[in-house]
Amino acid sequence: GWKAGPDRHGHAQVKISFPALVCSACAARSSCTHAA
């Protein structure tokens, strides 16, 4: 995922996302994200 757009203050930003299935099976998940 790659989405460009303004933040809540009007500044440009880019949001990048990784697939949930890949991250959930990753052995290093605890070092990368706390998302459930």
Full PDB file with SEQRES, HELIX, SHEET, SSBOND, CRYST1, ORIGX, SCALE, CONECT and MASTER records, all heavy atoms in Angstrom:
SEQRES   1 A   36  GLY TRP LYS ALA GLY PRO ASP ARG HIS GLY HIS ALA GLN          
SEQRES   2 A   36  VAL LYS ILE SER PHE PRO ALA LEU VAL CYS SER ALA CYS          
SEQRES   3 A   36  ALA ALA ARG SER SER CYS THR HIS ALA ALA                      
HELIX    1 AA1 ALA A   20  SER A   24  1                                   5    
HELIX    2 AA2 ARG A   29  SER A   31  5                                   3    
SHEET    1 AA1 2 TRP A   2  PRO A   6  0                                        
SHEET    2 AA1 2 ALA A  12  ILE A  16 -1                                        
CRYST1    1.000    1.000    1.000  90.00  90.00  90.00 P 1           1          
ORIGX1      1.000000  0.000000  0.000000        0.00000                         
ORIGX2      0.000000  1.000000  0.000000        0.00000                         
ORIGX3      0.000000  0.000000  1.000000        0.00000                         
SCALE1      1.000000  0.000000  0.000000        0.00000                         
SCALE2      0.000000  1.000000  0.000000        0.00000                         
SCALE3      0.000000  0.000000  1.000000        0.00000                         
ATOM      1  N   GLY A   1       0.821  -1.210   0.000  1.00  0.00           N  
ATOM      2  CA  GLY A   1       0.000   0.000   0.000  1.00  0.00           C  
ATOM      3  C   GLY A   1       0.850   1.254   0.000  1.00  0.00           C  
ATOM      4  O   GLY A   1       1.882   1.325   0.686  1.00  0.00           O  
ATOM      5  N   TRP A   2       0.423   2.243  -0.790  1.00  0.00           N  
ATOM      6  CA  TRP A   2       1.148   3.527  -0.880  1.00  0.00           C  
ATOM      7  C   TRP A   2       0.107   4.612  -1.116  1.00  0.00           C  
ATOM      8  O   TRP A   2      -0.531   4.649  -2.168  1.00  0.00           O  
ATOM      9  CB  TRP A   2       2.166   3.484  -2.013  1.00  0.00           C  
ATOM     10  CG  TRP A   2       3.012   4.723  -2.187  1.00  0.00           C  
ATOM     11  CD1 TRP A   2       2.609   5.934  -2.664  1.00  0.00           C  
ATOM     12  CD2 TRP A   2       4.404   4.853  -1.883  1.00  0.00           C  
ATOM     13  NE1 TRP A   2       3.657   6.814  -2.684  1.00  0.00           N  
ATOM     14  CE2 TRP A   2       4.772   6.176  -2.218  1.00  0.00           C  
ATOM     15  CE3 TRP A   2       5.365   3.982  -1.381  1.00  0.00           C  
ATOM     16  CZ2 TRP A   2       6.071   6.647  -2.056  1.00  0.00           C  
ATOM     17  CZ3 TRP A   2       6.658   4.454  -1.218  1.00  0.00           C  
ATOM     18  CH2 TRP A   2       7.014   5.769  -1.549  1.00  0.00           C  
ATOM     19  N   LYS A   3      -0.071   5.500  -0.150  1.00  0.00           N  
ATOM     20  CA  LYS A   3      -1.086   6.542  -0.279  1.00  0.00           C  
ATOM     21  C   LYS A   3      -0.497   7.889   0.112  1.00  0.00           C  
ATOM     22  O   LYS A   3      -0.032   8.076   1.234  1.00  0.00           O  
ATOM     23  CB  LYS A   3      -2.291   6.221   0.612  1.00  0.00           C  
ATOM     24  CG  LYS A   3      -3.419   7.235   0.485  1.00  0.00           C  
ATOM     25  CD  LYS A   3      -4.602   6.846   1.368  1.00  0.00           C  
ATOM     26  CE  LYS A   3      -5.726   7.862   1.242  1.00  0.00           C  
ATOM     27  NZ  LYS A   3      -6.889   7.509   2.121  1.00  0.00           N  
ATOM     28  N   ALA A   4      -0.511   8.821  -0.835  1.00  0.00           N  
ATOM     29  CA  ALA A   4      -0.006  10.174  -0.585  1.00  0.00           C  
ATOM     30  C   ALA A   4      -1.168  11.123  -0.360  1.00  0.00           C  
ATOM     31  O   ALA A   4      -2.208  11.028  -1.020  1.00  0.00           O  
ATOM     32  CB  ALA A   4       0.838  10.649  -1.768  1.00  0.00           C  
ATOM     33  N   GLY A   5      -0.995  12.047   0.595  1.00  0.00           N  
ATOM     34  CA  GLY A   5      -2.052  13.016   0.890  1.00  0.00           C  
ATOM     35  C   GLY A   5      -1.659  13.878   2.070  1.00  0.00           C  
ATOM     36  O   GLY A   5      -0.636  13.637   2.716  1.00  0.00           O  
ATOM     37  N   PRO A   6      -2.467  14.882   2.396  1.00  0.00           N  
ATOM     38  CA  PRO A   6      -2.131  15.779   3.508  1.00  0.00           C  
ATOM     39  C   PRO A   6      -2.455  15.162   4.860  1.00  0.00           C  
ATOM     40  O   PRO A   6      -3.355  14.337   4.975  1.00  0.00           O  
ATOM     41  CB  PRO A   6      -3.018  17.000   3.233  1.00  0.00           C  
ATOM     42  CG  PRO A   6      -4.208  16.435   2.520  1.00  0.00           C  
ATOM     43  CD  PRO A   6      -3.690  15.305   1.688  1.00  0.00           C  
ATOM     44  N   ASP A   7      -1.689  15.572   5.895  1.00  0.00           N  
ATOM     45  CA  ASP A   7      -2.034  15.167   7.247  1.00  0.00           C  
ATOM     46  C   ASP A   7      -3.057  16.143   7.812  1.00  0.00           C  
ATOM     47  O   ASP A   7      -3.562  17.012   7.094  1.00  0.00           O  
ATOM     48  CB  ASP A   7      -0.785  15.091   8.129  1.00  0.00           C  
ATOM     49  CG  ASP A   7      -0.077  16.437   8.267  1.00  0.00           C  
ATOM     50  OD1 ASP A   7      -0.667  17.480   7.895  1.00  0.00           O  
ATOM     51  OD2 ASP A   7       1.073  16.463   8.760  1.00  0.00           O  
ATOM     52  N   ARG A   8      -3.371  16.041   9.082  1.00  0.00           N  
ATOM     53  CA  ARG A   8      -4.421  16.886   9.665  1.00  0.00           C  
ATOM     54  C   ARG A   8      -4.020  18.348   9.750  1.00  0.00           C  
ATOM     55  O   ARG A   8      -4.863  19.216   9.972  1.00  0.00           O  
ATOM     56  CB  ARG A   8      -4.808  16.367  11.058  1.00  0.00           C  
ATOM     57  CG  ARG A   8      -3.690  16.334  12.069  1.00  0.00           C  
ATOM     58  CD  ARG A   8      -4.120  15.571  13.301  1.00  0.00           C  
ATOM     59  NE  ARG A   8      -3.075  15.497  14.307  1.00  0.00           N  
ATOM     60  CZ  ARG A   8      -2.937  16.371  15.300  1.00  0.00           C  
ATOM     61  NH1 ARG A   8      -3.797  17.373  15.409  1.00  0.00           N  
ATOM     62  NH2 ARG A   8      -1.966  16.240  16.182  1.00  0.00           N  
ATOM     63  N   HIS A   9      -2.724  18.632   9.567  1.00  0.00           N  
ATOM     64  CA  HIS A   9      -2.257  20.015   9.564  1.00  0.00           C  
ATOM     65  C   HIS A   9      -2.058  20.557   8.150  1.00  0.00           C  
ATOM     66  O   HIS A   9      -1.601  21.683   7.981  1.00  0.00           O  
ATOM     67  CB  HIS A   9      -0.935  20.119  10.333  1.00  0.00           C  
ATOM     68  CG  HIS A   9      -1.035  19.705  11.766  1.00  0.00           C  
ATOM     69  ND1 HIS A   9      -1.780  20.404  12.702  1.00  0.00           N  
ATOM     70  CD2 HIS A   9      -0.497  18.642  12.424  1.00  0.00           C  
ATOM     71  CE1 HIS A   9      -1.681  19.800  13.879  1.00  0.00           C  
ATOM     72  NE2 HIS A   9      -0.928  18.729  13.741  1.00  0.00           N  
ATOM     73  N   GLY A  10      -2.371  19.748   7.154  1.00  0.00           N  
ATOM     74  CA  GLY A  10      -2.239  20.187   5.776  1.00  0.00           C  
ATOM     75  C   GLY A  10      -0.882  19.930   5.153  1.00  0.00           C  
ATOM     76  O   GLY A  10      -0.642  20.326   4.009  1.00  0.00           O  
ATOM     77  N   HIS A  11       0.016  19.255   5.867  1.00  0.00           N  
ATOM     78  CA  HIS A  11       1.348  18.958   5.334  1.00  0.00           C  
ATOM     79  C   HIS A  11       1.311  17.643   4.549  1.00  0.00           C  
ATOM     80  O   HIS A  11       0.631  16.693   4.935  1.00  0.00           O  
ATOM     81  CB  HIS A  11       2.369  18.860   6.458  1.00  0.00           C  
ATOM     82  CG  HIS A  11       2.527  20.116   7.244  1.00  0.00           C  
ATOM     83  ND1 HIS A  11       3.100  21.247   6.726  1.00  0.00           N  
ATOM     84  CD2 HIS A  11       2.164  20.432   8.521  1.00  0.00           C  
ATOM     85  CE1 HIS A  11       3.106  22.205   7.629  1.00  0.00           C  
ATOM     86  NE2 HIS A  11       2.542  21.742   8.736  1.00  0.00           N  
ATOM     87  N   ALA A  12       2.057  17.609   3.462  1.00  0.00           N  
ATOM     88  CA  ALA A  12       2.097  16.407   2.626  1.00  0.00           C  
ATOM     89  C   ALA A  12       2.737  15.247   3.373  1.00  0.00           C  
ATOM     90  O   ALA A  12       3.705  15.433   4.118  1.00  0.00           O  
ATOM     91  CB  ALA A  12       2.860  16.703   1.341  1.00  0.00           C  
ATOM     92  N   GLN A  13       2.207  14.057   3.160  1.00  0.00           N  
ATOM     93  CA  GLN A  13       2.768  12.868   3.777  1.00  0.00           C  
ATOM     94  C   GLN A  13       2.474  11.652   2.901  1.00  0.00           C  
ATOM     95  O   GLN A  13       1.645  11.714   1.991  1.00  0.00           O  
ATOM     96  CB  GLN A  13       2.196  12.637   5.175  1.00  0.00           C  
ATOM     97  CG  GLN A  13       0.716  12.288   5.181  1.00  0.00           C  
ATOM     98  CD  GLN A  13       0.193  11.967   6.568  1.00  0.00           C  
ATOM     99  OE1 GLN A  13       0.858  12.185   7.576  1.00  0.00           O  
ATOM    100  NE2 GLN A  13      -1.019  11.437   6.644  1.00  0.00           N  
ATOM    101  N   VAL A  14       3.166  10.562   3.184  1.00  0.00           N  
ATOM    102  CA  VAL A  14       2.968   9.310   2.462  1.00  0.00           C  
ATOM    103  C   VAL A  14       2.747   8.203   3.482  1.00  0.00           C  
ATOM    104  O   VAL A  14       3.538   8.048   4.417  1.00  0.00           O  
ATOM    105  CB  VAL A  14       4.187   8.966   1.575  1.00  0.00           C  
ATOM    106  CG1 VAL A  14       3.975   7.613   0.907  1.00  0.00           C  
ATOM    107  CG2 VAL A  14       4.419  10.040   0.537  1.00  0.00           C  
ATOM    108  N   LYS A  15       1.680   7.453   3.315  1.00  0.00           N  
ATOM    109  CA  LYS A  15       1.400   6.309   4.191  1.00  0.00           C  
ATOM    110  C   LYS A  15       1.695   5.019   3.419  1.00  0.00           C  
ATOM    111  O   LYS A  15       1.166   4.804   2.331  1.00  0.00           O  
ATOM    112  CB  LYS A  15      -0.053   6.330   4.666  1.00  0.00           C  
ATOM    113  CG  LYS A  15      -0.322   7.366   5.750  1.00  0.00           C  
ATOM    114  CD  LYS A  15      -1.714   7.212   6.315  1.00  0.00           C  
ATOM    115  CE  LYS A  15      -1.933   8.126   7.518  1.00  0.00           C  
ATOM    116  NZ  LYS A  15      -1.116   7.716   8.668  1.00  0.00           N  
ATOM    117  N   ILE A  16       2.538   4.186   4.008  1.00  0.00           N  
ATOM    118  CA  ILE A  16       2.950   2.926   3.384  1.00  0.00           C  
ATOM    119  C   ILE A  16       2.510   1.775   4.290  1.00  0.00           C  
ATOM    120  O   ILE A  16       2.736   1.815   5.500  1.00  0.00           O  
ATOM    121  CB  ILE A  16       4.481   2.892   3.197  1.00  0.00           C  
ATOM    122  CG1 ILE A  16       4.947   4.095   2.377  1.00  0.00           C  
ATOM    123  CG2 ILE A  16       4.913   1.593   2.535  1.00  0.00           C  
ATOM    124  CD1 ILE A  16       6.451   4.236   2.302  1.00  0.00           C  
ATOM    125  N   SER A  17       1.900   0.759   3.696  1.00  0.00           N  
ATOM    126  CA  SER A  17       1.413  -0.370   4.495  1.00  0.00           C  
ATOM    127  C   SER A  17       1.931  -1.693   3.953  1.00  0.00           C  
ATOM    128  O   SER A  17       2.148  -1.856   2.747  1.00  0.00           O  
ATOM    129  CB  SER A  17      -0.124  -0.385   4.513  1.00  0.00           C  
ATOM    130  OG  SER A  17      -0.642  -0.452   3.193  1.00  0.00           O  
ATOM    131  N   PHE A  18       2.133  -2.629   4.873  1.00  0.00           N  
ATOM    132  CA  PHE A  18       2.567  -3.979   4.537  1.00  0.00           C  
ATOM    133  C   PHE A  18       1.399  -4.941   4.759  1.00  0.00           C  
ATOM    134  O   PHE A  18       0.550  -4.711   5.630  1.00  0.00           O  
ATOM    135  CB  PHE A  18       3.764  -4.389   5.392  1.00  0.00           C  
ATOM    136  CG  PHE A  18       5.035  -3.686   5.030  1.00  0.00           C  
ATOM    137  CD1 PHE A  18       5.294  -2.393   5.469  1.00  0.00           C  
ATOM    138  CD2 PHE A  18       5.980  -4.310   4.224  1.00  0.00           C  
ATOM    139  CE1 PHE A  18       6.459  -1.738   5.118  1.00  0.00           C  
ATOM    140  CE2 PHE A  18       7.163  -3.670   3.875  1.00  0.00           C  
ATOM    141  CZ  PHE A  18       7.396  -2.378   4.316  1.00  0.00           C  
ATOM    142  N   PRO A  19       1.325  -6.017   4.003  1.00  0.00           N  
ATOM    143  CA  PRO A  19       0.190  -6.946   4.111  1.00  0.00           C  
ATOM    144  C   PRO A  19       0.100  -7.606   5.487  1.00  0.00           C  
ATOM    145  O   PRO A  19       1.116  -8.038   6.044  1.00  0.00           O  
ATOM    146  CB  PRO A  19       0.454  -7.979   3.006  1.00  0.00           C  
ATOM    147  CG  PRO A  19       1.921  -7.876   2.718  1.00  0.00           C  
ATOM    148  CD  PRO A  19       2.281  -6.449   2.967  1.00  0.00           C  
ATOM    149  N   ALA A  20      -1.107  -7.667   6.008  1.00  0.00           N  
ATOM    150  CA  ALA A  20      -1.322  -8.218   7.344  1.00  0.00           C  
ATOM    151  C   ALA A  20      -0.925  -9.691   7.428  1.00  0.00           C  
ATOM    152  O   ALA A  20      -0.352 -10.130   8.429  1.00  0.00           O  
ATOM    153  CB  ALA A  20      -2.788  -8.043   7.739  1.00  0.00           C  
ATOM    154  N   LEU A  21      -1.208 -10.455   6.397  1.00  0.00           N  
ATOM    155  CA  LEU A  21      -0.896 -11.888   6.436  1.00  0.00           C  
ATOM    156  C   LEU A  21       0.610 -12.126   6.512  1.00  0.00           C  
ATOM    157  O   LEU A  21       1.072 -13.016   7.234  1.00  0.00           O  
ATOM    158  CB  LEU A  21      -1.473 -12.580   5.188  1.00  0.00           C  
ATOM    159  CG  LEU A  21      -2.999 -12.717   5.140  1.00  0.00           C  
ATOM    160  CD1 LEU A  21      -3.427 -13.361   3.834  1.00  0.00           C  
ATOM    161  CD2 LEU A  21      -3.501 -13.535   6.328  1.00  0.00           C  
ATOM    162  N   VAL A  22       1.369 -11.335   5.772  1.00  0.00           N  
ATOM    163  CA  VAL A  22       2.825 -11.492   5.786  1.00  0.00           C  
ATOM    164  C   VAL A  22       3.392 -11.084   7.141  1.00  0.00           C  
ATOM    165  O   VAL A  22       4.237 -11.775   7.713  1.00  0.00           O  
ATOM    166  CB  VAL A  22       3.466 -10.654   4.656  1.00  0.00           C  
ATOM    167  CG1 VAL A  22       4.987 -10.654   4.779  1.00  0.00           C  
ATOM    168  CG2 VAL A  22       3.049 -11.195   3.300  1.00  0.00           C  
ATOM    169  N   CYS A  23       2.910  -9.951   7.668  1.00  0.00           N  
ATOM    170  CA  CYS A  23       3.427  -9.460   8.952  1.00  0.00           C  
ATOM    171  C   CYS A  23       3.047 -10.379  10.112  1.00  0.00           C  
ATOM    172  O   CYS A  23       3.824 -10.551  11.056  1.00  0.00           O  
ATOM    173  CB  CYS A  23       2.909  -8.044   9.218  1.00  0.00           C  
ATOM    174  SG  CYS A  23       3.654  -6.785   8.149  1.00  0.00           S  
ATOM    175  N   SER A  24       1.851 -10.957  10.058  1.00  0.00           N  
ATOM    176  CA  SER A  24       1.411 -11.829  11.160  1.00  0.00           C  
ATOM    177  C   SER A  24       2.253 -13.094  11.249  1.00  0.00           C  
ATOM    178  O   SER A  24       2.405 -13.677  12.325  1.00  0.00           O  
ATOM    179  CB  SER A  24      -0.069 -12.191  10.983  1.00  0.00           C  
ATOM    180  OG  SER A  24      -0.261 -12.910   9.768  1.00  0.00           O  
ATOM    181  N   ALA A  25       2.817 -13.536  10.114  1.00  0.00           N  
ATOM    182  CA  ALA A  25       3.633 -14.745  10.109  1.00  0.00           C  
ATOM    183  C   ALA A  25       5.120 -14.452  10.285  1.00  0.00           C  
ATOM    184  O   ALA A  25       5.931 -15.390  10.336  1.00  0.00           O  
ATOM    185  CB  ALA A  25       3.419 -15.498   8.791  1.00  0.00           C  
ATOM    186  N   CYS A  26       5.479 -13.179  10.411  1.00  0.00           N  
ATOM    187  CA  CYS A  26       6.885 -12.801  10.497  1.00  0.00           C  
ATOM    188  C   CYS A  26       7.448 -13.083  11.890  1.00  0.00           C  
ATOM    189  O   CYS A  26       6.843 -12.731  12.901  1.00  0.00           O  
ATOM    190  CB  CYS A  26       7.047 -11.322  10.156  1.00  0.00           C  
ATOM    191  SG  CYS A  26       8.764 -10.740  10.212  1.00  0.00           S  
ATOM    192  N   ALA A  27       8.624 -13.683  11.945  1.00  0.00           N  
ATOM    193  CA  ALA A  27       9.260 -14.008  13.222  1.00  0.00           C  
ATOM    194  C   ALA A  27       9.722 -12.762  13.965  1.00  0.00           C  
ATOM    195  O   ALA A  27       9.898 -12.790  15.187  1.00  0.00           O  
ATOM    196  CB  ALA A  27      10.450 -14.944  12.980  1.00  0.00           C  
ATOM    197  N   ALA A  28       9.915 -11.647  13.240  1.00  0.00           N  
ATOM    198  CA  ALA A  28      10.396 -10.405  13.852  1.00  0.00           C  
ATOM    199  C   ALA A  28       9.259  -9.430  14.136  1.00  0.00           C  
ATOM    200  O   ALA A  28       9.504  -8.247  14.373  1.00  0.00           O  
ATOM    201  CB  ALA A  28      11.435  -9.744  12.948  1.00  0.00           C  
ATOM    202  N   ARG A  29       8.034  -9.899  14.139  1.00  0.00           N  
ATOM    203  CA  ARG A  29       6.874  -9.031  14.309  1.00  0.00           C  
ATOM    204  C   ARG A  29       6.944  -8.209  15.598  1.00  0.00           C  
ATOM    205  O   ARG A  29       6.616  -7.025  15.622  1.00  0.00           O  
ATOM    206  CB  ARG A  29       5.586  -9.850  14.293  1.00  0.00           C  
ATOM    207  CG  ARG A  29       4.313  -9.013  14.471  1.00  0.00           C  
ATOM    208  CD  ARG A  29       3.059  -9.883  14.438  1.00  0.00           C  
ATOM    209  NE  ARG A  29       1.862  -9.083  14.682  1.00  0.00           N  
ATOM    210  CZ  ARG A  29       1.221  -8.392  13.745  1.00  0.00           C  
ATOM    211  NH1 ARG A  29       1.658  -8.416  12.498  1.00  0.00           N  
ATOM    212  NH2 ARG A  29       0.146  -7.688  14.044  1.00  0.00           N  
ATOM    213  N   SER A  30       7.409  -8.809  16.692  1.00  0.00           N  
ATOM    214  CA  SER A  30       7.457  -8.107  17.978  1.00  0.00           C  
ATOM    215  C   SER A  30       8.449  -6.946  17.975  1.00  0.00           C  
ATOM    216  O   SER A  30       8.364  -6.061  18.825  1.00  0.00           O  
ATOM    217  CB  SER A  30       7.828  -9.089  19.095  1.00  0.00           C  
ATOM    218  OG  SER A  30       9.112  -9.659  18.856  1.00  0.00           O  
ATOM    219  N   SER A  31       9.380  -6.943  17.030  1.00  0.00           N  
ATOM    220  CA  SER A  31      10.347  -5.852  16.914  1.00  0.00           C  
ATOM    221  C   SER A  31       9.884  -4.782  15.937  1.00  0.00           C  
ATOM    222  O   SER A  31      10.546  -3.760  15.774  1.00  0.00           O  
ATOM    223  CB  SER A  31      11.713  -6.384  16.453  1.00  0.00           C  
ATOM    224  OG  SER A  31      12.243  -7.287  17.379  1.00  0.00           O  
ATOM    225  N   CYS A  32       8.738  -5.044  15.291  1.00  0.00           N  
ATOM    226  CA  CYS A  32       8.301  -4.168  14.207  1.00  0.00           C  
ATOM    227  C   CYS A  32       6.982  -3.459  14.477  1.00  0.00           C  
ATOM    228  O   CYS A  32       6.840  -2.281  14.179  1.00  0.00           O  
ATOM    229  CB  CYS A  32       8.202  -4.975  12.914  1.00  0.00           C  
ATOM    230  SG  CYS A  32       7.966  -3.998  11.418  1.00  0.00           S  
ATOM    231  N   THR A  33       6.005  -4.164  15.021  1.00  0.00           N  
ATOM    232  CA  THR A  33       4.697  -3.562  15.240  1.00  0.00           C  
ATOM    233  C   THR A  33       3.996  -4.177  16.442  1.00  0.00           C  
ATOM    234  O   THR A  33       4.197  -5.355  16.760  1.00  0.00           O  
ATOM    235  CB  THR A  33       3.811  -3.716  13.984  1.00  0.00           C  
ATOM    236  OG1 THR A  33       2.533  -3.115  14.215  1.00  0.00           O  
ATOM    237  CG2 THR A  33       3.612  -5.173  13.628  1.00  0.00           C  
ATOM    238  N   HIS A  34       3.165  -3.356  17.097  1.00  0.00           N  
ATOM    239  CA  HIS A  34       2.349  -3.835  18.207  1.00  0.00           C  
ATOM    240  C   HIS A  34       0.896  -4.051  17.775  1.00  0.00           C  
ATOM    241  O   HIS A  34       0.045  -4.378  18.607  1.00  0.00           O  
ATOM    242  CB  HIS A  34       2.377  -2.815  19.361  1.00  0.00           C  
ATOM    243  CG  HIS A  34       3.667  -2.838  20.124  1.00  0.00           C  
ATOM    244  ND1 HIS A  34       4.045  -1.815  20.970  1.00  0.00           N  
ATOM    245  CD2 HIS A  34       4.679  -3.754  20.176  1.00  0.00           C  
ATOM    246  CE1 HIS A  34       5.226  -2.108  21.504  1.00  0.00           C  
ATOM    247  NE2 HIS A  34       5.627  -3.268  21.049  1.00  0.00           N  
ATOM    248  N   ALA A  35       0.616  -3.840  16.487  1.00  0.00           N  
ATOM    249  CA  ALA A  35      -0.750  -4.007  15.993  1.00  0.00           C  
ATOM    250  C   ALA A  35      -1.212  -5.445  16.192  1.00  0.00           C  
ATOM    251  O   ALA A  35      -0.451  -6.392  15.959  1.00  0.00           O  
ATOM    252  CB  ALA A  35      -0.820  -3.626  14.514  1.00  0.00           C  
ATOM    253  N   ALA A  36      -2.449  -5.602  16.612  1.00  0.00           N  
ATOM    254  CA  ALA A  36      -2.958  -6.940  16.913  1.00  0.00           C  
ATOM    255  C   ALA A  36      -3.173  -7.774  15.653  1.00  0.00           C  
ATOM    256  O   ALA A  36      -2.842  -8.969  15.618  1.00  0.00           O  
ATOM    257  CB  ALA A  36      -4.263  -6.835  17.691  1.00  0.00           C  
TER     258      ALA A  36                                                      
MASTER        0    0    0    2    2    0    0    6  257    1    0    3          
END                                                                             
